[in-house]
């Protein structure tokens, strides 16, 4: 009985070890370095994204949503991010990496707290005052 349990445990450990080794081996091929052509293609796509984002900022200035100073600050930040990504060779860099999609519910683009309710959570109606309607 004990030998049978021991044999089963050995088989499980062996299977687990093989699965881990296979996963590590596949992960190494999944994160292989990019060729120069691939890096150049990725850089071009990132540059297109940057230019489109700048166009959006300029449209917001035209429509009165941002001031020229705000737009300049935003585009300078975007350029700095692009330069940092470019210097890193665009590795492990995809458009939404580490970002929450959509606007932050509690802060504006400058990092200032927004007044009022956040995340669209509705509060229950105020029950502290009695209804005067009959």
C-alpha atoms as a PDB file:
ATOM      1  CA  UNK A   1       0.000   0.000   0.000  1.00  0.00           C
ATOM      2  CA  UNK A   2       2.748   2.461   0.985  1.00  0.00           C
ATOM      3  CA  UNK A   3       4.767   1.574  -2.133  1.00  0.00           C
ATOM      4  CA  UNK A   4       1.752   2.279  -4.310  1.00  0.00           C
ATOM      5  CA  UNK A   5       1.235   5.730  -2.741  1.00  0.00           C
ATOM      6  CA  UNK A   6       4.946   6.491  -3.067  1.00  0.00           C
ATOM      7  CA  UNK A   7       4.904   5.496  -6.737  1.00  0.00           C
ATOM      8  CA  UNK A   8       1.872   7.693  -7.385  1.00  0.00           C
ATOM      9  CA  UNK A   9       3.570  10.677  -5.697  1.00  0.00           C
ATOM     10  CA  UNK A  10       6.723  10.153  -7.749  1.00  0.00           C
ATOM     11  CA  UNK A  11       4.680  10.124 -10.944  1.00  0.00           C
ATOM     12  CA  UNK A  12       2.888  13.320  -9.949  1.00  0.00           C
ATOM     13  CA  UNK A  13       6.156  15.092  -9.109  1.00  0.00           C
ATOM     14  CA  UNK A  14       7.663  13.933 -12.374  1.00  0.00           C
ATOM     15  CA  UNK A  15       4.643  15.146 -14.337  1.00  0.00           C
ATOM     16  CA  UNK A  16       4.715  18.500 -12.520  1.00  0.00           C
ATOM     17  CA  UNK A  17       8.432  18.902 -13.168  1.00  0.00           C
ATOM     18  CA  UNK A  18       7.982  18.165 -16.857  1.00  0.00           C
ATOM     19  CA  UNK A  19       5.105  20.634 -17.108  1.00  0.00           C
ATOM     20  CA  UNK A  20       7.175  23.367 -15.450  1.00  0.00           C
ATOM     21  CA  UNK A  21      10.156  22.659 -17.686  1.00  0.00           C
ATOM     22  CA  UNK A  22       7.932  22.785 -20.773  1.00  0.00           C
ATOM     23  CA  UNK A  23       6.338  26.064 -19.661  1.00  0.00           C
ATOM     24  CA  UNK A  24       9.725  27.658 -19.033  1.00  0.00           C
ATOM     25  CA  UNK A  25      10.995  26.451 -22.397  1.00  0.00           C
ATOM     26  CA  UNK A  26       7.985  27.855 -24.247  1.00  0.00           C
ATOM     27  CA  UNK A  27       8.182  31.154 -22.377  1.00  0.00           C
ATOM     28  CA  UNK A  28      11.739  31.588 -23.572  1.00  0.00           C
ATOM     29  CA  UNK A  29      10.671  31.336 -27.202  1.00  0.00           C
ATOM     30  CA  UNK A  30       7.650  33.592 -26.669  1.00  0.00           C
ATOM     31  CA  UNK A  31       9.833  36.462 -25.397  1.00  0.00           C
ATOM     32  CA  UNK A  32      12.551  36.197 -28.010  1.00  0.00           C
ATOM     33  CA  UNK A  33      14.293  39.388 -29.108  1.00  0.00           C
ATOM     34  CA  UNK A  34      12.973  41.239 -32.125  1.00  0.00           C
ATOM     35  CA  UNK A  35      14.924  41.401 -35.339  1.00  0.00           C
ATOM     36  CA  UNK A  36      15.976  44.861 -36.589  1.00  0.00           C
ATOM     37  CA  UNK A  37      13.243  44.784 -39.248  1.00  0.00           C
ATOM     38  CA  UNK A  38      10.610  43.891 -36.663  1.00  0.00           C
ATOM     39  CA  UNK A  39      11.845  46.647 -34.358  1.00  0.00           C
ATOM     40  CA  UNK A  40      11.684  49.159 -37.205  1.00  0.00           C
ATOM     41  CA  UNK A  41       8.139  48.084 -38.078  1.00  0.00           C
ATOM     42  CA  UNK A  42       7.032  48.346 -34.438  1.00  0.00           C
ATOM     43  CA  UNK A  43       8.687  51.785 -34.182  1.00  0.00           C
ATOM     44  CA  UNK A  44       6.746  52.968 -37.230  1.00  0.00           C
ATOM     45  CA  UNK A  45       3.468  51.793 -35.739  1.00  0.00           C
ATOM     46  CA  UNK A  46       4.220  53.497 -32.426  1.00  0.00           C
ATOM     47  CA  UNK A  47       5.039  56.695 -34.287  1.00  0.00           C
ATOM     48  CA  UNK A  48       1.681  56.499 -36.089  1.00  0.00           C
ATOM     49  CA  UNK A  49      -0.065  56.057 -32.730  1.00  0.00           C
ATOM     50  CA  UNK A  50       1.813  59.062 -31.334  1.00  0.00           C
ATOM     51  CA  UNK A  51       0.841  61.247 -34.283  1.00  0.00           C
ATOM     52  CA  UNK A  52      -2.826  60.235 -33.999  1.00  0.00           C
ATOM     53  CA  UNK A  53      -2.811  60.984 -30.269  1.00  0.00           C
ATOM     54  CA  UNK A  54      -1.321  64.424 -30.978  1.00  0.00           C
ATOM     55  CA  UNK A  55      -4.067  65.055 -33.550  1.00  0.00           C
ATOM     56  CA  UNK A  56      -6.672  64.200 -30.922  1.00  0.00           C
ATOM     57  CA  UNK A  57      -5.091  66.645 -28.481  1.00  0.00           C
ATOM     58  CA  UNK A  58      -5.109  69.394 -31.145  1.00  0.00           C
ATOM     59  CA  UNK A  59      -8.780  68.704 -31.937  1.00  0.00           C
ATOM     60  CA  UNK A  60      -9.566  69.084 -28.240  1.00  0.00           C
ATOM     61  CA  UNK A  61      -7.843  72.485 -28.331  1.00  0.00           C
ATOM     62  CA  UNK A  62      -9.892  73.469 -31.403  1.00  0.00           C
ATOM     63  CA  UNK A  63     -13.123  72.413 -29.680  1.00  0.00           C
ATOM     64  CA  UNK A  64     -12.266  74.290 -26.497  1.00  0.00           C
ATOM     65  CA  UNK A  65     -11.767  71.230 -24.302  1.00  0.00           C
ATOM     66  CA  UNK A  66      -8.099  72.069 -23.622  1.00  0.00           C
ATOM     67  CA  UNK A  67      -6.039  75.230 -23.564  1.00  0.00           C
ATOM     68  CA  UNK A  68      -2.918  75.595 -25.696  1.00  0.00           C
ATOM     69  CA  UNK A  69      -0.754  75.347 -22.571  1.00  0.00           C
ATOM     70  CA  UNK A  70      -2.457  72.133 -21.493  1.00  0.00           C
ATOM     71  CA  UNK A  71      -2.022  70.684 -24.975  1.00  0.00           C
ATOM     72  CA  UNK A  72       1.654  71.606 -24.990  1.00  0.00           C
ATOM     73  CA  UNK A  73       2.167  69.926 -21.611  1.00  0.00           C
ATOM     74  CA  UNK A  74       0.370  66.788 -22.807  1.00  0.00           C
ATOM     75  CA  UNK A  75       2.300  66.537 -26.072  1.00  0.00           C
ATOM     76  CA  UNK A  76       5.622  67.081 -24.293  1.00  0.00           C
ATOM     77  CA  UNK A  77       4.762  64.197 -21.965  1.00  0.00           C
ATOM     78  CA  UNK A  78       3.754  62.031 -24.923  1.00  0.00           C
ATOM     79  CA  UNK A  79       7.048  62.823 -26.685  1.00  0.00           C
ATOM     80  CA  UNK A  80       9.034  61.937 -23.560  1.00  0.00           C
ATOM     81  CA  UNK A  81       7.230  58.606 -23.271  1.00  0.00           C
ATOM     82  CA  UNK A  82       7.829  57.851 -26.937  1.00  0.00           C
ATOM     83  CA  UNK A  83      11.526  58.684 -26.607  1.00  0.00           C
ATOM     84  CA  UNK A  84      11.854  56.386 -23.566  1.00  0.00           C
ATOM     85  CA  UNK A  85      10.134  53.554 -25.431  1.00  0.00           C
ATOM     86  CA  UNK A  86      12.313  54.138 -28.463  1.00  0.00           C
ATOM     87  CA  UNK A  87      15.492  54.015 -26.369  1.00  0.00           C
ATOM     88  CA  UNK A  88      14.276  50.742 -24.848  1.00  0.00           C
ATOM     89  CA  UNK A  89      13.840  49.302 -28.345  1.00  0.00           C
ATOM     90  CA  UNK A  90      10.055  49.065 -27.945  1.00  0.00           C
ATOM     91  CA  UNK A  91      10.447  45.870 -25.910  1.00  0.00           C
ATOM     92  CA  UNK A  92       7.526  44.766 -23.765  1.00  0.00           C
ATOM     93  CA  UNK A  93       5.686  47.825 -24.933  1.00  0.00           C
ATOM     94  CA  UNK A  94       2.112  47.610 -26.051  1.00  0.00           C
ATOM     95  CA  UNK A  95      -0.407  50.455 -26.132  1.00  0.00           C
ATOM     96  CA  UNK A  96      -2.289  49.680 -22.926  1.00  0.00           C
ATOM     97  CA  UNK A  97       0.474  48.147 -20.832  1.00  0.00           C
ATOM     98  CA  UNK A  98      -0.110  48.964 -17.198  1.00  0.00           C
ATOM     99  CA  UNK A  99      -2.878  51.406 -17.963  1.00  0.00           C
ATOM    100  CA  UNK A 100      -6.480  51.501 -17.055  1.00  0.00           C
ATOM    101  CA  UNK A 101      -8.565  51.804 -20.196  1.00  0.00           C
ATOM    102  CA  UNK A 102     -10.613  54.956 -20.292  1.00  0.00           C
ATOM    103  CA  UNK A 103     -10.460  57.959 -18.031  1.00  0.00           C
ATOM    104  CA  UNK A 104      -9.532  57.534 -14.399  1.00  0.00           C
ATOM    105  CA  UNK A 105     -12.690  57.899 -12.375  1.00  0.00           C
ATOM    106  CA  UNK A 106     -11.067  59.798  -9.507  1.00  0.00           C
ATOM    107  CA  UNK A 107      -8.516  62.058 -11.254  1.00  0.00           C
ATOM    108  CA  UNK A 108      -8.329  64.323 -14.269  1.00  0.00           C
ATOM    109  CA  UNK A 109      -5.511  64.281 -16.839  1.00  0.00           C
ATOM    110  CA  UNK A 110      -3.341  66.489 -14.590  1.00  0.00           C
ATOM    111  CA  UNK A 111      -3.608  64.095 -11.647  1.00  0.00           C
ATOM    112  CA  UNK A 112      -5.941  66.371  -9.709  1.00  0.00           C
ATOM    113  CA  UNK A 113      -8.802  64.808  -7.822  1.00  0.00           C
ATOM    114  CA  UNK A 114     -12.204  65.206  -9.402  1.00  0.00           C
ATOM    115  CA  UNK A 115     -15.025  66.501  -7.280  1.00  0.00           C
ATOM    116  CA  UNK A 116     -18.128  64.451  -6.755  1.00  0.00           C
ATOM    117  CA  UNK A 117     -19.010  60.808  -7.091  1.00  0.00           C
ATOM    118  CA  UNK A 118     -16.717  58.387  -8.869  1.00  0.00           C
ATOM    119  CA  UNK A 119     -17.009  55.205 -10.865  1.00  0.00           C
ATOM    120  CA  UNK A 120     -20.652  55.895 -11.626  1.00  0.00           C
ATOM    121  CA  UNK A 121     -21.794  54.525  -8.302  1.00  0.00           C
ATOM    122  CA  UNK A 122     -25.219  55.787  -7.466  1.00  0.00           C
ATOM    123  CA  UNK A 123     -26.016  56.340  -3.833  1.00  0.00           C
ATOM    124  CA  UNK A 124     -29.266  55.254  -2.294  1.00  0.00           C
ATOM    125  CA  UNK A 125     -31.928  57.930  -1.975  1.00  0.00           C
ATOM    126  CA  UNK A 126     -31.718  60.060   1.134  1.00  0.00           C
ATOM    127  CA  UNK A 127     -34.105  58.596   3.690  1.00  0.00           C
ATOM    128  CA  UNK A 128     -33.261  61.006   6.479  1.00  0.00           C
ATOM    129  CA  UNK A 129     -35.976  63.493   5.467  1.00  0.00           C
ATOM    130  CA  UNK A 130     -39.584  62.347   5.543  1.00  0.00           C
ATOM    131  CA  UNK A 131     -41.708  62.553   2.424  1.00  0.00           C
ATOM    132  CA  UNK A 132     -44.087  65.462   2.487  1.00  0.00           C
ATOM    133  CA  UNK A 133     -46.167  64.160  -0.393  1.00  0.00           C
ATOM    134  CA  UNK A 134     -49.268  62.237   0.454  1.00  0.00           C
END
